[in-house]
């Protein structure tokens, strides 16, 4: 990996006695990515703008880590945005060069986070953007969170300014679901934004991982 490559870090809070559900974590992570993309500090002459441009002009690399207790408090003290879900809490940090990741983030665990959904997921609401996960892949929670983050990022690129404002006004409401094999086949033929992974971890290079189904892109 090039030393001039930027990386955006997401940190999921996972306390020993309070573990969020898998889908809650994925949806909260996706909303965190949208929050930093839409933040005024990421645009124009904002304090994060140069780093955001450098990151988005290359590979939109995302790394997901987890923290608890004092680790989380130290991470929370760094510049970023915290987004909460039903129980999940995710903090997203502006991109930095790979060799400049703050030590309080770099030392956090990056692998091995596997969560579960505690109960059956609710039915999808009409008109809510959905990030569909490939049913043929096995990925950890952290890997899947990075992939849905890529998915909303691709959708954001393609939305009009009016659609972006509308989504932001709706607090970036979205859902994450694993597609059925038949549904995945339909989605792959739909022309909607699809994430193709570089395959550095967990899955084969070139794997299609997530499809972003936003109503405005149909």
Protein backbone atom coordinates (compact mmCIF):
# COMPACT_ATOMS: atom_id res chain seq x y z
CA UNK A 1 0.00 0.00 0.00
CA UNK A 2 1.21 3.46 -0.85
CA UNK A 3 2.27 5.75 2.02
CA UNK A 4 0.33 8.59 0.40
CA UNK A 5 -2.93 6.64 0.54
CA UNK A 6 -5.67 8.01 2.78
CA UNK A 7 -7.87 5.94 5.05
CA UNK A 8 -11.12 6.76 6.82
CA UNK A 9 -11.60 5.08 10.19
CA UNK A 10 -14.88 4.00 11.75
CA UNK A 11 -14.90 2.90 15.38
CA UNK A 12 -17.76 0.80 16.71
CA UNK A 13 -18.41 0.90 20.44
CA UNK A 14 -18.64 -2.67 21.76
CA UNK A 15 -18.77 -2.88 25.54
CA UNK A 16 -18.42 -6.25 27.27
CA UNK A 17 -21.96 -6.28 28.60
CA UNK A 18 -23.63 -4.28 25.82
CA UNK A 19 -23.10 -5.58 22.31
CA UNK A 20 -25.22 -3.99 19.57
CA UNK A 21 -27.06 -6.09 17.03
CA UNK A 22 -25.40 -6.79 13.70
CA UNK A 23 -27.85 -4.89 11.49
CA UNK A 24 -28.04 -1.95 13.91
CA UNK A 25 -24.24 -1.68 13.76
CA UNK A 26 -24.19 -1.88 9.96
CA UNK A 27 -26.91 0.73 9.52
CA UNK A 28 -25.30 3.09 12.03
CA UNK A 29 -21.92 2.73 10.33
CA UNK A 30 -23.46 3.55 6.95
CA UNK A 31 -25.15 6.62 8.38
CA UNK A 32 -21.82 7.69 9.91
CA UNK A 33 -20.17 7.61 6.47
CA UNK A 34 -22.97 9.77 5.08
CA UNK A 35 -22.68 12.15 8.04
CA UNK A 36 -19.04 12.93 7.33
CA UNK A 37 -19.63 13.19 3.57
CA UNK A 38 -22.36 15.77 4.20
CA UNK A 39 -20.61 17.69 6.98
CA UNK A 40 -19.71 21.30 6.19
CA UNK A 41 -16.16 20.67 7.42
CA UNK A 42 -15.74 18.21 4.51
CA UNK A 43 -16.60 20.74 1.79
CA UNK A 44 -15.11 23.89 0.27
CA UNK A 45 -12.47 25.32 2.58
CA UNK A 46 -13.56 23.27 5.57
CA UNK A 47 -10.95 21.84 7.91
CA UNK A 48 -11.43 18.30 6.59
CA UNK A 49 -11.94 19.23 2.94
CA UNK A 50 -8.39 18.70 1.66
CA UNK A 51 -8.15 15.28 3.30
CA UNK A 52 -11.60 14.32 1.98
CA UNK A 53 -10.58 15.28 -1.56
CA UNK A 54 -7.31 13.36 -1.31
CA UNK A 55 -9.17 10.32 -0.03
CA UNK A 56 -11.99 10.40 -2.57
CA UNK A 57 -9.65 11.04 -5.49
CA UNK A 58 -8.02 7.68 -4.80
CA UNK A 59 -9.38 4.42 -3.40
CA UNK A 60 -12.05 5.16 -0.78
CA UNK A 61 -10.39 2.94 1.80
CA UNK A 62 -12.28 2.44 5.06
CA UNK A 63 -11.13 0.61 8.17
CA UNK A 64 -13.50 -0.46 10.94
CA UNK A 65 -12.21 -0.87 14.48
CA UNK A 66 -13.88 -1.49 17.83
CA UNK A 67 -13.41 0.07 21.24
CA UNK A 68 -14.77 -0.06 24.76
CA UNK A 69 -14.27 1.72 28.06
CA UNK A 70 -11.20 3.94 28.18
CA UNK A 71 -10.36 3.06 24.56
CA UNK A 72 -13.69 4.51 23.45
CA UNK A 73 -13.27 7.63 25.58
CA UNK A 74 -9.87 8.31 24.04
CA UNK A 75 -11.25 7.77 20.54
CA UNK A 76 -14.22 10.02 21.27
CA UNK A 77 -11.84 12.83 22.22
CA UNK A 78 -10.39 12.91 18.69
CA UNK A 79 -12.01 15.04 15.94
CA UNK A 80 -14.88 13.19 14.31
CA UNK A 81 -18.63 12.59 14.35
CA UNK A 82 -20.54 10.17 16.57
CA UNK A 83 -23.70 8.59 15.19
CA UNK A 84 -26.11 6.50 17.25
CA UNK A 85 -28.56 3.84 16.20
CA UNK A 86 -31.01 1.81 18.27
CA UNK A 87 -28.18 0.57 20.47
CA UNK A 88 -25.13 0.87 18.23
CA UNK A 89 -22.73 3.81 18.51
CA UNK A 90 -20.19 4.54 15.76
CA UNK A 91 -17.67 7.37 15.55
CA UNK A 92 -16.28 8.30 12.14
CA UNK A 93 -13.01 10.16 11.75
CA UNK A 94 -11.81 12.31 8.84
CA UNK A 95 -9.37 10.57 6.47
CA UNK A 96 -5.66 10.66 7.22
CA UNK A 97 -2.61 9.24 5.52
CA UNK A 98 -2.00 5.59 6.37
CA UNK A 99 1.13 6.38 8.33
CA UNK A 100 -0.56 9.22 10.22
CA UNK A 101 -3.46 7.35 11.83
CA UNK A 102 -3.64 8.61 15.45
CA UNK A 103 -2.14 6.08 17.87
CA UNK A 104 -5.36 5.91 19.87
CA UNK A 105 -7.08 4.60 16.72
CA UNK A 106 -4.23 2.57 15.24
CA UNK A 107 -3.93 0.37 18.33
CA UNK A 108 -7.60 -0.60 18.36
CA UNK A 109 -8.61 -4.10 17.30
CA UNK A 110 -9.46 -4.28 13.61
CA UNK A 111 -10.43 -7.94 13.18
CA UNK A 112 -12.66 -10.47 14.86
CA UNK A 113 -15.80 -8.43 15.46
CA UNK A 114 -18.81 -10.66 14.85
CA UNK A 115 -22.22 -9.55 16.08
CA UNK A 116 -25.64 -11.14 15.80
CA UNK A 117 -29.16 -9.83 15.41
CA UNK A 118 -31.10 -10.50 18.61
CA UNK A 119 -34.47 -10.95 16.90
CA UNK A 120 -36.19 -10.98 13.55
CA UNK A 121 -35.62 -7.82 11.56
CA UNK A 122 -38.59 -5.53 10.87
CA UNK A 123 -40.16 -5.38 7.44
CA UNK A 124 -38.65 -2.82 5.09
CA UNK A 125 -40.48 0.49 4.84
CA UNK A 126 -41.47 1.73 1.40
CA UNK A 127 -39.17 4.39 0.02
CA UNK A 128 -36.30 3.75 2.44
CA UNK A 129 -32.88 3.24 0.79
CA UNK A 130 -31.60 -0.29 1.24
CA UNK A 131 -28.05 -1.60 1.19
CA UNK A 132 -28.26 -5.18 -0.01
CA UNK A 133 -25.47 -7.55 1.06
CA UNK A 134 -24.38 -10.40 -1.19
CA UNK A 135 -25.83 -13.65 0.24
CA UNK A 136 -23.01 -15.70 -1.23
CA UNK A 137 -20.24 -14.17 0.89
CA UNK A 138 -19.18 -14.73 4.48
CA UNK A 139 -17.82 -11.54 6.07
CA UNK A 140 -17.20 -10.39 9.62
CA UNK A 141 -19.22 -7.52 11.05
CA UNK A 142 -16.29 -5.14 10.57
CA UNK A 143 -15.75 -6.17 6.96
CA UNK A 144 -19.46 -5.89 6.20
CA UNK A 145 -19.61 -2.45 7.84
CA UNK A 146 -16.82 -1.22 5.57
CA UNK A 147 -18.65 -2.63 2.55
CA UNK A 148 -21.99 -0.98 3.34
CA UNK A 149 -20.01 2.21 3.94
CA UNK A 150 -18.66 1.89 0.41
CA UNK A 151 -22.19 1.27 -0.82
CA UNK A 152 -23.67 4.47 0.62
CA UNK A 153 -20.61 6.35 -0.58
CA UNK A 154 -21.20 5.23 -4.18
CA UNK A 155 -24.87 6.15 -3.89
CA UNK A 156 -23.94 9.60 -2.55
CA UNK A 157 -21.71 10.19 -5.58
CA UNK A 158 -24.65 9.57 -7.91
CA UNK A 159 -27.38 11.51 -6.11
CA UNK A 160 -28.39 15.03 -7.10
CA UNK A 161 -27.84 17.85 -4.62
CA UNK A 162 -31.59 17.97 -3.97
CA UNK A 163 -31.71 14.24 -3.21
CA UNK A 164 -28.72 14.57 -0.90
CA UNK A 165 -30.42 17.36 1.03
CA UNK A 166 -33.61 15.33 1.31
CA UNK A 167 -31.73 12.32 2.65
CA UNK A 168 -29.88 14.46 5.16
CA UNK A 169 -33.15 16.02 6.32
CA UNK A 170 -34.40 12.47 6.96
CA UNK A 171 -31.37 11.81 9.19
CA UNK A 172 -29.97 9.49 6.50
CA UNK A 173 -32.62 6.87 7.17
CA UNK A 174 -31.68 3.56 5.55
CA UNK A 175 -31.77 -0.20 6.00
CA UNK A 176 -29.25 -3.01 5.55
CA UNK A 177 -30.43 -6.46 4.57
CA UNK A 178 -28.91 -9.62 3.10
CA UNK A 179 -30.51 -10.30 -0.28
CA UNK A 180 -31.91 -13.65 -1.28
CA UNK A 181 -29.97 -15.25 -4.15
CA UNK A 182 -32.80 -14.45 -6.57
CA UNK A 183 -33.02 -10.85 -5.37
CA UNK A 184 -29.25 -10.45 -5.67
CA UNK A 185 -29.36 -11.62 -9.28
CA UNK A 186 -32.05 -9.03 -10.07
CA UNK A 187 -30.10 -6.28 -8.33
CA UNK A 188 -26.91 -7.11 -10.23
CA UNK A 189 -28.80 -6.47 -13.47
CA UNK A 190 -30.42 -3.25 -12.23
CA UNK A 191 -27.60 -0.78 -12.87
CA UNK A 192 -27.63 0.37 -9.24
CA UNK A 193 -24.29 1.20 -7.55
CA UNK A 194 -22.42 -1.98 -6.67
CA UNK A 195 -19.31 -2.38 -4.53
CA UNK A 196 -16.52 -4.53 -5.96
CA UNK A 197 -13.97 -5.33 -3.28
CA UNK A 198 -10.22 -5.28 -3.81
CA UNK A 199 -9.94 -8.49 -1.82
CA UNK A 200 -7.23 -7.48 0.66
CA UNK A 201 -9.07 -9.22 3.52
CA UNK A 202 -11.57 -12.05 4.02
CA UNK A 203 -12.94 -12.38 0.46
CA UNK A 204 -11.63 -12.93 -3.04
CA UNK A 205 -10.49 -9.93 -5.14
CA UNK A 206 -13.23 -8.65 -7.40
CA UNK A 207 -16.09 -9.93 -5.24
CA UNK A 208 -19.32 -7.94 -5.45
CA UNK A 209 -20.34 -7.24 -1.88
CA UNK A 210 -23.09 -4.61 -1.57
CA UNK A 211 -25.64 -2.96 -3.86
CA UNK A 212 -27.07 0.46 -2.91
CA UNK A 213 -30.77 0.64 -3.74
CA UNK A 214 -31.77 4.28 -3.32
CA UNK A 215 -35.20 5.17 -4.79
CA UNK A 216 -33.77 8.29 -6.47
CA UNK A 217 -31.36 6.13 -8.48
CA UNK A 218 -33.99 3.89 -10.02
